[in-house]
């Protein structure tokens, strides 16, 4: 009888990984609605601000702002969010980049 340890942790990790893969592949198989992307681009191009509530991140970012010269919270959040979105949703990211370059 296994009461934890590497075996059960590995099984849980593999289950999470498979679930995440299937979610990604389900989304990737959907056709991107180019008209909707264009409408959203036109709607928000002059209002690119995003806001969310996350006290832990706010503390970390403010700590970095206080301790690292020239640290920009906005630039850091932008960089992290862009990297994540590009990795998680490459098809949509590519379409948006093309819209932005037109």
PDB file of N, CA and C in Angstrom:
ATOM      1  N   UNK A   1       0.846  -1.185   0.000  1.00  0.00           N
ATOM      2  CA  UNK A   1       0.000   0.000   0.000  1.00  0.00           C
ATOM      3  C   UNK A   1       0.887   1.242   0.000  1.00  0.00           C
ATOM      4  N   UNK A   2       0.713   2.071  -1.002  1.00  0.00           N
ATOM      5  CA  UNK A   2       1.520   3.277  -1.145  1.00  0.00           C
ATOM      6  C   UNK A   2       0.793   4.445  -0.493  1.00  0.00           C
ATOM      7  N   UNK A   3       1.424   5.076   0.480  1.00  0.00           N
ATOM      8  CA  UNK A   3       0.824   6.222   1.177  1.00  0.00           C
ATOM      9  C   UNK A   3       1.563   7.501   0.812  1.00  0.00           C
ATOM     10  N   UNK A   4       1.713   7.765  -0.446  1.00  0.00           N
ATOM     11  CA  UNK A   4       2.406   8.976  -0.865  1.00  0.00           C
ATOM     12  C   UNK A   4       3.736   8.634  -1.480  1.00  0.00           C
ATOM     13  N   UNK A   5       4.649   9.546  -1.372  1.00  0.00           N
ATOM     14  CA  UNK A   5       5.967   9.330  -1.938  1.00  0.00           C
ATOM     15  C   UNK A   5       5.998   9.654  -3.414  1.00  0.00           C
ATOM     16  N   UNK A   6       7.107   9.346  -4.020  1.00  0.00           N
ATOM     17  CA  UNK A   6       7.342   9.700  -5.419  1.00  0.00           C
ATOM     18  C   UNK A   6       6.330   9.072  -6.362  1.00  0.00           C
ATOM     19  N   UNK A   7       5.950   7.839  -6.097  1.00  0.00           N
ATOM     20  CA  UNK A   7       5.021   7.148  -6.990  1.00  0.00           C
ATOM     21  C   UNK A   7       3.689   7.864  -7.130  1.00  0.00           C
ATOM     22  N   UNK A   8       3.061   8.213  -6.013  1.00  0.00           N
ATOM     23  CA  UNK A   8       1.759   8.881  -6.102  1.00  0.00           C
ATOM     24  C   UNK A   8       1.917  10.308  -6.606  1.00  0.00           C
ATOM     25  N   UNK A   9       2.984  10.990  -6.211  1.00  0.00           N
ATOM     26  CA  UNK A   9       3.228  12.347  -6.707  1.00  0.00           C
ATOM     27  C   UNK A   9       3.416  12.334  -8.212  1.00  0.00           C
ATOM     28  N   UNK A  10       4.159  11.357  -8.714  1.00  0.00           N
ATOM     29  CA  UNK A  10       4.412  11.251 -10.147  1.00  0.00           C
ATOM     30  C   UNK A  10       3.102  10.992 -10.895  1.00  0.00           C
ATOM     31  N   UNK A  11       2.276  10.117 -10.332  1.00  0.00           N
ATOM     32  CA  UNK A  11       0.989   9.830 -10.969  1.00  0.00           C
ATOM     33  C   UNK A  11       0.125  11.069 -11.056  1.00  0.00           C
ATOM     34  N   UNK A  12       0.052  11.825  -9.976  1.00  0.00           N
ATOM     35  CA  UNK A  12      -0.732  13.067  -9.968  1.00  0.00           C
ATOM     36  C   UNK A  12      -0.185  14.066 -10.972  1.00  0.00           C
ATOM     37  N   UNK A  13       1.145  14.177 -11.015  1.00  0.00           N
ATOM     38  CA  UNK A  13       1.768  15.112 -11.941  1.00  0.00           C
ATOM     39  C   UNK A  13       1.439  14.728 -13.388  1.00  0.00           C
ATOM     40  N   UNK A  14       1.523  13.433 -13.694  1.00  0.00           N
ATOM     41  CA  UNK A  14       1.237  12.983 -15.056  1.00  0.00           C
ATOM     42  C   UNK A  14      -0.226  13.205 -15.419  1.00  0.00           C
ATOM     43  N   UNK A  15      -1.134  12.988 -14.467  1.00  0.00           N
ATOM     44  CA  UNK A  15      -2.552  13.244 -14.714  1.00  0.00           C
ATOM     45  C   UNK A  15      -2.791  14.717 -15.023  1.00  0.00           C
ATOM     46  N   UNK A  16      -2.172  15.621 -14.230  1.00  0.00           N
ATOM     47  CA  UNK A  16      -2.321  17.066 -14.473  1.00  0.00           C
ATOM     48  C   UNK A  16      -1.767  17.457 -15.835  1.00  0.00           C
ATOM     49  N   UNK A  17      -0.600  16.881 -16.188  1.00  0.00           N
ATOM     50  CA  UNK A  17       0.034  17.190 -17.468  1.00  0.00           C
ATOM     51  C   UNK A  17      -0.858  16.748 -18.630  1.00  0.00           C
ATOM     52  N   UNK A  18      -1.431  15.541 -18.541  1.00  0.00           N
ATOM     53  CA  UNK A  18      -2.305  15.035 -19.600  1.00  0.00           C
ATOM     54  C   UNK A  18      -3.560  15.887 -19.714  1.00  0.00           C
ATOM     55  N   UNK A  19      -4.129  16.273 -18.580  1.00  0.00           N
ATOM     56  CA  UNK A  19      -5.324  17.114 -18.593  1.00  0.00           C
ATOM     57  C   UNK A  19      -5.021  18.447 -19.263  1.00  0.00           C
ATOM     58  N   UNK A  20      -3.874  19.041 -18.930  1.00  0.00           N
ATOM     59  CA  UNK A  20      -3.489  20.315 -19.513  1.00  0.00           C
ATOM     60  C   UNK A  20      -3.274  20.173 -21.023  1.00  0.00           C
ATOM     61  N   UNK A  21      -2.633  19.082 -21.450  1.00  0.00           N
ATOM     62  CA  UNK A  21      -2.422  18.847 -22.881  1.00  0.00           C
ATOM     63  C   UNK A  21      -3.743  18.745 -23.612  1.00  0.00           C
ATOM     64  N   UNK A  22      -4.703  18.011 -23.055  1.00  0.00           N
ATOM     65  CA  UNK A  22      -5.981  17.835 -23.729  1.00  0.00           C
ATOM     66  C   UNK A  22      -6.737  19.154 -23.794  1.00  0.00           C
ATOM     67  N   UNK A  23      -6.630  19.990 -22.750  1.00  0.00           N
ATOM     68  CA  UNK A  23      -7.277  21.295 -22.786  1.00  0.00           C
ATOM     69  C   UNK A  23      -6.663  22.168 -23.869  1.00  0.00           C
ATOM     70  N   UNK A  24      -5.341  22.152 -23.970  1.00  0.00           N
ATOM     71  CA  UNK A  24      -4.660  22.938 -25.000  1.00  0.00           C
ATOM     72  C   UNK A  24      -5.054  22.455 -26.384  1.00  0.00           C
ATOM     73  N   UNK A  25      -5.064  21.140 -26.606  1.00  0.00           N
ATOM     74  CA  UNK A  25      -5.356  20.630 -27.935  1.00  0.00           C
ATOM     75  C   UNK A  25      -6.805  20.916 -28.316  1.00  0.00           C
ATOM     76  N   UNK A  26      -7.732  20.875 -27.343  1.00  0.00           N
ATOM     77  CA  UNK A  26      -9.117  21.222 -27.633  1.00  0.00           C
ATOM     78  C   UNK A  26      -9.200  22.662 -28.111  1.00  0.00           C
ATOM     79  N   UNK A  27      -8.501  23.565 -27.438  1.00  0.00           N
ATOM     80  CA  UNK A  27      -8.523  24.968 -27.817  1.00  0.00           C
ATOM     81  C   UNK A  27      -7.834  25.179 -29.149  1.00  0.00           C
ATOM     82  N   UNK A  28      -6.710  24.516 -29.354  1.00  0.00           N
ATOM     83  CA  UNK A  28      -5.938  24.700 -30.577  1.00  0.00           C
ATOM     84  C   UNK A  28      -6.728  24.257 -31.797  1.00  0.00           C
ATOM     85  N   UNK A  29      -7.635  23.298 -31.618  1.00  0.00           N
ATOM     86  CA  UNK A  29      -8.392  22.813 -32.758  1.00  0.00           C
ATOM     87  C   UNK A  29      -9.518  23.765 -33.156  1.00  0.00           C
ATOM     88  N   UNK A  30      -9.867  24.713 -32.275  1.00  0.00           N
ATOM     89  CA  UNK A  30     -10.894  25.694 -32.604  1.00  0.00           C
ATOM     90  C   UNK A  30     -10.330  26.706 -33.594  1.00  0.00           C
ATOM     91  N   UNK A  31     -11.174  27.105 -34.542  1.00  0.00           N
ATOM     92  CA  UNK A  31     -10.746  28.112 -35.510  1.00  0.00           C
ATOM     93  C   UNK A  31     -10.776  29.487 -34.841  1.00  0.00           C
ATOM     94  N   UNK A  32      -9.758  30.255 -35.075  1.00  0.00           N
ATOM     95  CA  UNK A  32      -9.685  31.600 -34.497  1.00  0.00           C
ATOM     96  C   UNK A  32     -10.632  32.513 -35.266  1.00  0.00           C
ATOM     97  N   UNK A  33     -11.429  33.241 -34.530  1.00  0.00           N
ATOM     98  CA  UNK A  33     -12.396  34.154 -35.115  1.00  0.00           C
ATOM     99  C   UNK A  33     -11.684  35.477 -35.430  1.00  0.00           C
ATOM    100  N   UNK A  34     -11.232  35.614 -36.670  1.00  0.00           N
ATOM    101  CA  UNK A  34     -10.454  36.783 -37.078  1.00  0.00           C
ATOM    102  C   UNK A  34     -11.275  38.070 -36.985  1.00  0.00           C
ATOM    103  N   UNK A  35     -12.558  37.982 -37.262  1.00  0.00           N
ATOM    104  CA  UNK A  35     -13.414  39.172 -37.201  1.00  0.00           C
ATOM    105  C   UNK A  35     -13.501  39.662 -35.754  1.00  0.00           C
ATOM    106  N   UNK A  36     -13.693  38.737 -34.822  1.00  0.00           N
ATOM    107  CA  UNK A  36     -13.740  39.122 -33.414  1.00  0.00           C
ATOM    108  C   UNK A  36     -12.413  39.734 -32.971  1.00  0.00           C
ATOM    109  N   UNK A  37     -11.294  39.126 -33.379  1.00  0.00           N
ATOM    110  CA  UNK A  37      -9.990  39.692 -33.017  1.00  0.00           C
ATOM    111  C   UNK A  37      -9.835  41.108 -33.548  1.00  0.00           C
ATOM    112  N   UNK A  38     -10.274  41.332 -34.778  1.00  0.00           N
ATOM    113  CA  UNK A  38     -10.180  42.669 -35.368  1.00  0.00           C
ATOM    114  C   UNK A  38     -11.043  43.674 -34.609  1.00  0.00           C
ATOM    115  N   UNK A  39     -12.263  43.267 -34.265  1.00  0.00           N
ATOM    116  CA  UNK A  39     -13.152  44.145 -33.497  1.00  0.00           C
ATOM    117  C   UNK A  39     -12.542  44.491 -32.143  1.00  0.00           C
ATOM    118  N   UNK A  40     -11.983  43.478 -31.475  1.00  0.00           N
ATOM    119  CA  UNK A  40     -11.356  43.721 -30.179  1.00  0.00           C
ATOM    120  C   UNK A  40     -10.132  44.618 -30.311  1.00  0.00           C
ATOM    121  N   UNK A  41      -9.357  44.405 -31.359  1.00  0.00           N
ATOM    122  CA  UNK A  41      -8.177  45.243 -31.595  1.00  0.00           C
ATOM    123  C   UNK A  41      -8.589  46.703 -31.750  1.00  0.00           C
ATOM    124  N   UNK A  42      -9.594  46.954 -32.570  1.00  0.00           N
ATOM    125  CA  UNK A  42     -10.054  48.323 -32.791  1.00  0.00           C
ATOM    126  C   UNK A  42     -10.627  48.931 -31.516  1.00  0.00           C
ATOM    127  N   UNK A  43     -11.306  48.111 -30.736  1.00  0.00           N
ATOM    128  CA  UNK A  43     -11.942  48.595 -29.514  1.00  0.00           C
ATOM    129  C   UNK A  43     -10.920  48.982 -28.442  1.00  0.00           C
ATOM    130  N   UNK A  44      -9.849  48.197 -28.293  1.00  0.00           N
ATOM    131  CA  UNK A  44      -8.944  48.423 -27.164  1.00  0.00           C
ATOM    132  C   UNK A  44      -7.594  49.021 -27.528  1.00  0.00           C
ATOM    133  N   UNK A  45      -7.348  49.278 -28.800  1.00  0.00           N
ATOM    134  CA  UNK A  45      -6.010  49.750 -29.170  1.00  0.00           C
ATOM    135  C   UNK A  45      -5.602  51.040 -28.467  1.00  0.00           C
ATOM    136  N   UNK A  46      -6.552  51.863 -28.084  1.00  0.00           N
ATOM    137  CA  UNK A  46      -6.225  53.095 -27.375  1.00  0.00           C
ATOM    138  C   UNK A  46      -6.412  52.972 -25.863  1.00  0.00           C
ATOM    139  N   UNK A  47      -6.798  51.787 -25.407  1.00  0.00           N
ATOM    140  CA  UNK A  47      -6.998  51.545 -23.980  1.00  0.00           C
ATOM    141  C   UNK A  47      -6.344  50.212 -23.595  1.00  0.00           C
ATOM    142  N   UNK A  48      -5.030  50.127 -23.636  1.00  0.00           N
ATOM    143  CA  UNK A  48      -4.368  48.836 -23.418  1.00  0.00           C
ATOM    144  C   UNK A  48      -4.217  48.426 -21.947  1.00  0.00           C
ATOM    145  N   UNK A  49      -4.753  49.195 -21.030  1.00  0.00           N
ATOM    146  CA  UNK A  49      -4.570  48.910 -19.604  1.00  0.00           C
ATOM    147  C   UNK A  49      -5.332  47.647 -19.199  1.00  0.00           C
ATOM    148  N   UNK A  50      -4.659  46.826 -18.384  1.00  0.00           N
ATOM    149  CA  UNK A  50      -5.265  45.633 -17.787  1.00  0.00           C
ATOM    150  C   UNK A  50      -5.141  45.790 -16.285  1.00  0.00           C
ATOM    151  N   UNK A  51      -6.182  45.422 -15.553  1.00  0.00           N
ATOM    152  CA  UNK A  51      -6.050  45.453 -14.098  1.00  0.00           C
ATOM    153  C   UNK A  51      -6.596  44.155 -13.516  1.00  0.00           C
ATOM    154  N   UNK A  52      -6.021  43.777 -12.405  1.00  0.00           N
ATOM    155  CA  UNK A  52      -6.459  42.576 -11.709  1.00  0.00           C
ATOM    156  C   UNK A  52      -6.103  42.705 -10.243  1.00  0.00           C
ATOM    157  N   UNK A  53      -6.663  41.832  -9.439  1.00  0.00           N
ATOM    158  CA  UNK A  53      -6.458  41.872  -8.003  1.00  0.00           C
ATOM    159  C   UNK A  53      -5.589  40.699  -7.600  1.00  0.00           C
ATOM    160  N   UNK A  54      -4.406  40.985  -7.084  1.00  0.00           N
ATOM    161  CA  UNK A  54      -3.490  39.934  -6.643  1.00  0.00           C
ATOM    162  C   UNK A  54      -2.525  40.527  -5.624  1.00  0.00           C
ATOM    163  N   UNK A  55      -2.895  40.488  -4.335  1.00  0.00           N
ATOM    164  CA  UNK A  55      -2.072  41.130  -3.307  1.00  0.00           C
ATOM    165  C   UNK A  55      -0.642  40.596  -3.224  1.00  0.00           C
ATOM    166  N   UNK A  56      -0.448  39.284  -3.389  1.00  0.00           N
ATOM    167  CA  UNK A  56       0.898  38.728  -3.285  1.00  0.00           C
ATOM    168  C   UNK A  56       1.809  39.281  -4.379  1.00  0.00           C
ATOM    169  N   UNK A  57       1.297  39.287  -5.607  1.00  0.00           N
ATOM    170  CA  UNK A  57       2.091  39.832  -6.713  1.00  0.00           C
ATOM    171  C   UNK A  57       2.383  41.314  -6.501  1.00  0.00           C
ATOM    172  N   UNK A  58       1.407  42.017  -6.012  1.00  0.00           N
ATOM    173  CA  UNK A  58       1.586  43.457  -5.760  1.00  0.00           C
ATOM    174  C   UNK A  58       2.715  43.688  -4.759  1.00  0.00           C
ATOM    175  N   UNK A  59       2.763  42.875  -3.725  1.00  0.00           N
ATOM    176  CA  UNK A  59       3.827  43.016  -2.727  1.00  0.00           C
ATOM    177  C   UNK A  59       5.185  42.739  -3.359  1.00  0.00           C
ATOM    178  N   UNK A  60       5.280  41.649  -4.112  1.00  0.00           N
ATOM    179  CA  UNK A  60       6.554  41.294  -4.763  1.00  0.00           C
ATOM    180  C   UNK A  60       6.993  42.410  -5.701  1.00  0.00           C
ATOM    181  N   UNK A  61       6.074  42.879  -6.525  1.00  0.00           N
ATOM    182  CA  UNK A  61       6.426  43.908  -7.499  1.00  0.00           C
ATOM    183  C   UNK A  61       6.821  45.223  -6.828  1.00  0.00           C
ATOM    184  N   UNK A  62       6.121  45.580  -5.781  1.00  0.00           N
ATOM    185  CA  UNK A  62       6.488  46.809  -5.068  1.00  0.00           C
ATOM    186  C   UNK A  62       7.815  46.660  -4.340  1.00  0.00           C
ATOM    187  N   UNK A  63       8.092  45.476  -3.837  1.00  0.00           N
ATOM    188  CA  UNK A  63       9.396  45.228  -3.221  1.00  0.00           C
ATOM    189  C   UNK A  63      10.506  45.428  -4.250  1.00  0.00           C
ATOM    190  N   UNK A  64      10.298  44.853  -5.439  1.00  0.00           N
ATOM    191  CA  UNK A  64      11.299  45.006  -6.500  1.00  0.00           C
ATOM    192  C   UNK A  64      11.457  46.468  -6.897  1.00  0.00           C
ATOM    193  N   UNK A  65      10.358  47.185  -6.946  1.00  0.00           N
ATOM    194  CA  UNK A  65      10.416  48.609  -7.289  1.00  0.00           C
ATOM    195  C   UNK A  65      11.237  49.394  -6.270  1.00  0.00           C
ATOM    196  N   UNK A  66      11.113  49.017  -5.013  1.00  0.00           N
ATOM    197  CA  UNK A  66      11.836  49.707  -3.941  1.00  0.00           C
ATOM    198  C   UNK A  66      13.304  49.298  -3.859  1.00  0.00           C
ATOM    199  N   UNK A  67      13.642  48.117  -4.357  1.00  0.00           N
ATOM    200  CA  UNK A  67      15.000  47.607  -4.162  1.00  0.00           C
ATOM    201  C   UNK A  67      15.844  47.534  -5.427  1.00  0.00           C
ATOM    202  N   UNK A  68      15.225  47.642  -6.601  1.00  0.00           N
ATOM    203  CA  UNK A  68      15.982  47.585  -7.858  1.00  0.00           C
ATOM    204  C   UNK A  68      15.882  48.930  -8.578  1.00  0.00           C
ATOM    205  N   UNK A  69      17.000  49.571  -8.804  1.00  0.00           N
ATOM    206  CA  UNK A  69      16.955  50.850  -9.526  1.00  0.00           C
ATOM    207  C   UNK A  69      16.316  50.689 -10.905  1.00  0.00           C
ATOM    208  N   UNK A  70      15.495  51.645 -11.264  1.00  0.00           N
ATOM    209  CA  UNK A  70      14.835  51.710 -12.569  1.00  0.00           C
ATOM    210  C   UNK A  70      13.880  50.545 -12.848  1.00  0.00           C
ATOM    211  N   UNK A  71      13.456  49.825 -11.810  1.00  0.00           N
ATOM    212  CA  UNK A  71      12.505  48.738 -12.005  1.00  0.00           C
ATOM    213  C   UNK A  71      11.133  49.319 -12.309  1.00  0.00           C
ATOM    214  N   UNK A  72      10.491  48.799 -13.351  1.00  0.00           N
ATOM    215  CA  UNK A  72       9.166  49.262 -13.736  1.00  0.00           C
ATOM    216  C   UNK A  72       8.164  48.116 -13.564  1.00  0.00           C
ATOM    217  N   UNK A  73       7.184  48.345 -12.708  1.00  0.00           N
ATOM    218  CA  UNK A  73       6.152  47.329 -12.482  1.00  0.00           C
ATOM    219  C   UNK A  73       5.401  47.055 -13.785  1.00  0.00           C
ATOM    220  N   UNK A  74       5.013  48.082 -14.488  1.00  0.00           N
ATOM    221  CA  UNK A  74       4.257  47.906 -15.737  1.00  0.00           C
ATOM    222  C   UNK A  74       5.047  47.116 -16.778  1.00  0.00           C
ATOM    223  N   UNK A  75       6.303  47.454 -16.932  1.00  0.00           N
ATOM    224  CA  UNK A  75       7.122  46.742 -17.915  1.00  0.00           C
ATOM    225  C   UNK A  75       7.289  45.275 -17.536  1.00  0.00           C
ATOM    226  N   UNK A  76       7.482  45.021 -16.252  1.00  0.00           N
ATOM    227  CA  UNK A  76       7.663  43.635 -15.802  1.00  0.00           C
ATOM    228  C   UNK A  76       6.389  42.819 -15.998  1.00  0.00           C
ATOM    229  N   UNK A  77       5.262  43.384 -15.619  1.00  0.00           N
ATOM    230  CA  UNK A  77       3.990  42.676 -15.804  1.00  0.00           C
ATOM    231  C   UNK A  77       3.744  42.425 -17.285  1.00  0.00           C
ATOM    232  N   UNK A  78       3.988  43.420 -18.109  1.00  0.00           N
ATOM    233  CA  UNK A  78       3.830  43.256 -19.562  1.00  0.00           C
ATOM    234  C   UNK A  78       4.696  42.132 -20.093  1.00  0.00           C
ATOM    235  N   UNK A  79       5.956  42.128 -19.703  1.00  0.00           N
ATOM    236  CA  UNK A  79       6.889  41.115 -20.184  1.00  0.00           C
ATOM    237  C   UNK A  79       6.436  39.718 -19.783  1.00  0.00           C
ATOM    238  N   UNK A  80       6.104  39.544 -18.520  1.00  0.00           N
ATOM    239  CA  UNK A  80       5.700  38.231 -18.009  1.00  0.00           C
ATOM    240  C   UNK A  80       4.402  37.765 -18.667  1.00  0.00           C
ATOM    241  N   UNK A  81       3.441  38.644 -18.754  1.00  0.00           N
ATOM    242  CA  UNK A  81       2.145  38.282 -19.338  1.00  0.00           C
ATOM    243  C   UNK A  81       2.276  37.961 -20.827  1.00  0.00           C
ATOM    244  N   UNK A  82       3.042  38.752 -21.553  1.00  0.00           N
ATOM    245  CA  UNK A  82       3.243  38.490 -22.971  1.00  0.00           C
ATOM    246  C   UNK A  82       3.935  37.158 -23.204  1.00  0.00           C
ATOM    247  N   UNK A  83       4.972  36.876 -22.432  1.00  0.00           N
ATOM    248  CA  UNK A  83       5.672  35.594 -22.579  1.00  0.00           C
ATOM    249  C   UNK A  83       4.720  34.428 -22.326  1.00  0.00           C
ATOM    250  N   UNK A  84       3.904  34.547 -21.298  1.00  0.00           N
ATOM    251  CA  UNK A  84       2.970  33.479 -20.960  1.00  0.00           C
ATOM    252  C   UNK A  84       1.932  33.293 -22.069  1.00  0.00           C
ATOM    253  N   UNK A  85       1.307  34.377 -22.493  1.00  0.00           N
ATOM    254  CA  UNK A  85       0.264  34.274 -23.507  1.00  0.00           C
ATOM    255  C   UNK A  85       0.798  33.759 -24.835  1.00  0.00           C
ATOM    256  N   UNK A  86       1.982  34.202 -25.206  1.00  0.00           N
ATOM    257  CA  UNK A  86       2.591  33.729 -26.448  1.00  0.00           C
ATOM    258  C   UNK A  86       2.842  32.219 -26.382  1.00  0.00           C
ATOM    259  N   UNK A  87       3.255  31.737 -25.222  1.00  0.00           N
ATOM    260  CA  UNK A  87       3.537  30.310 -25.044  1.00  0.00           C
ATOM    261  C   UNK A  87       2.244  29.488 -24.975  1.00  0.00           C
ATOM    262  N   UNK A  88       1.259  29.958 -24.237  1.00  0.00           N
ATOM    263  CA  UNK A  88       0.029  29.195 -24.018  1.00  0.00           C
ATOM    264  C   UNK A  88      -0.945  29.255 -25.194  1.00  0.00           C
ATOM    265  N   UNK A  89      -0.964  30.356 -25.917  1.00  0.00           N
ATOM    266  CA  UNK A  89      -1.927  30.557 -27.001  1.00  0.00           C
ATOM    267  C   UNK A  89      -1.224  31.066 -28.257  1.00  0.00           C
ATOM    268  N   UNK A  90      -0.305  30.273 -28.805  1.00  0.00           N
ATOM    269  CA  UNK A  90       0.515  30.764 -29.920  1.00  0.00           C
ATOM    270  C   UNK A  90      -0.287  31.144 -31.172  1.00  0.00           C
ATOM    271  N   UNK A  91      -1.377  30.428 -31.444  1.00  0.00           N
ATOM    272  CA  UNK A  91      -2.161  30.736 -32.650  1.00  0.00           C
ATOM    273  C   UNK A  91      -2.803  32.111 -32.534  1.00  0.00           C
ATOM    274  N   UNK A  92      -3.420  32.372 -31.386  1.00  0.00           N
ATOM    275  CA  UNK A  92      -4.054  33.681 -31.183  1.00  0.00           C
ATOM    276  C   UNK A  92      -2.992  34.768 -31.140  1.00  0.00           C
ATOM    277  N   UNK A  93      -1.885  34.505 -30.457  1.00  0.00           N
ATOM    278  CA  UNK A  93      -0.803  35.487 -30.348  1.00  0.00           C
ATOM    279  C   UNK A  93      -0.310  35.899 -31.736  1.00  0.00           C
ATOM    280  N   UNK A  94      -0.115  34.926 -32.601  1.00  0.00           N
ATOM    281  CA  UNK A  94       0.362  35.213 -33.960  1.00  0.00           C
ATOM    282  C   UNK A  94      -0.627  36.094 -34.709  1.00  0.00           C
ATOM    283  N   UNK A  95      -1.905  35.776 -34.592  1.00  0.00           N
ATOM    284  CA  UNK A  95      -2.937  36.584 -35.262  1.00  0.00           C
ATOM    285  C   UNK A  95      -2.946  38.017 -34.741  1.00  0.00           C
ATOM    286  N   UNK A  96      -2.830  38.173 -33.438  1.00  0.00           N
ATOM    287  CA  UNK A  96      -2.837  39.515 -32.839  1.00  0.00           C
ATOM    288  C   UNK A  96      -1.607  40.295 -33.277  1.00  0.00           C
ATOM    289  N   UNK A  97      -0.447  39.649 -33.291  1.00  0.00           N
ATOM    290  CA  UNK A  97       0.775  40.329 -33.734  1.00  0.00           C
ATOM    291  C   UNK A  97       0.639  40.805 -35.179  1.00  0.00           C
ATOM    292  N   UNK A  98       0.017  39.994 -36.011  1.00  0.00           N
ATOM    293  CA  UNK A  98      -0.184  40.392 -37.399  1.00  0.00           C
ATOM    294  C   UNK A  98      -1.114  41.600 -37.488  1.00  0.00           C
ATOM    295  N   UNK A  99      -2.164  41.606 -36.681  1.00  0.00           N
ATOM    296  CA  UNK A  99      -3.079  42.758 -36.647  1.00  0.00           C
ATOM    297  C   UNK A  99      -2.342  44.019 -36.224  1.00  0.00           C
ATOM    298  N   UNK A 100      -1.492  43.884 -35.209  1.00  0.00           N
ATOM    299  CA  UNK A 100      -0.772  45.041 -34.687  1.00  0.00           C
ATOM    300  C   UNK A 100       0.232  45.601 -35.693  1.00  0.00           C
ATOM    301  N   UNK A 101       0.719  44.749 -36.588  1.00  0.00           N
ATOM    302  CA  UNK A 101       1.721  45.180 -37.565  1.00  0.00           C
ATOM    303  C   UNK A 101       1.102  45.729 -38.850  1.00  0.00           C
ATOM    304  N   UNK A 102      -0.201  45.654 -38.977  1.00  0.00           N
ATOM    305  CA  UNK A 102      -0.850  46.167 -40.201  1.00  0.00           C
ATOM    306  C   UNK A 102      -0.917  47.659 -40.224  1.00  0.00           C
TER     307      UNK A 102
END
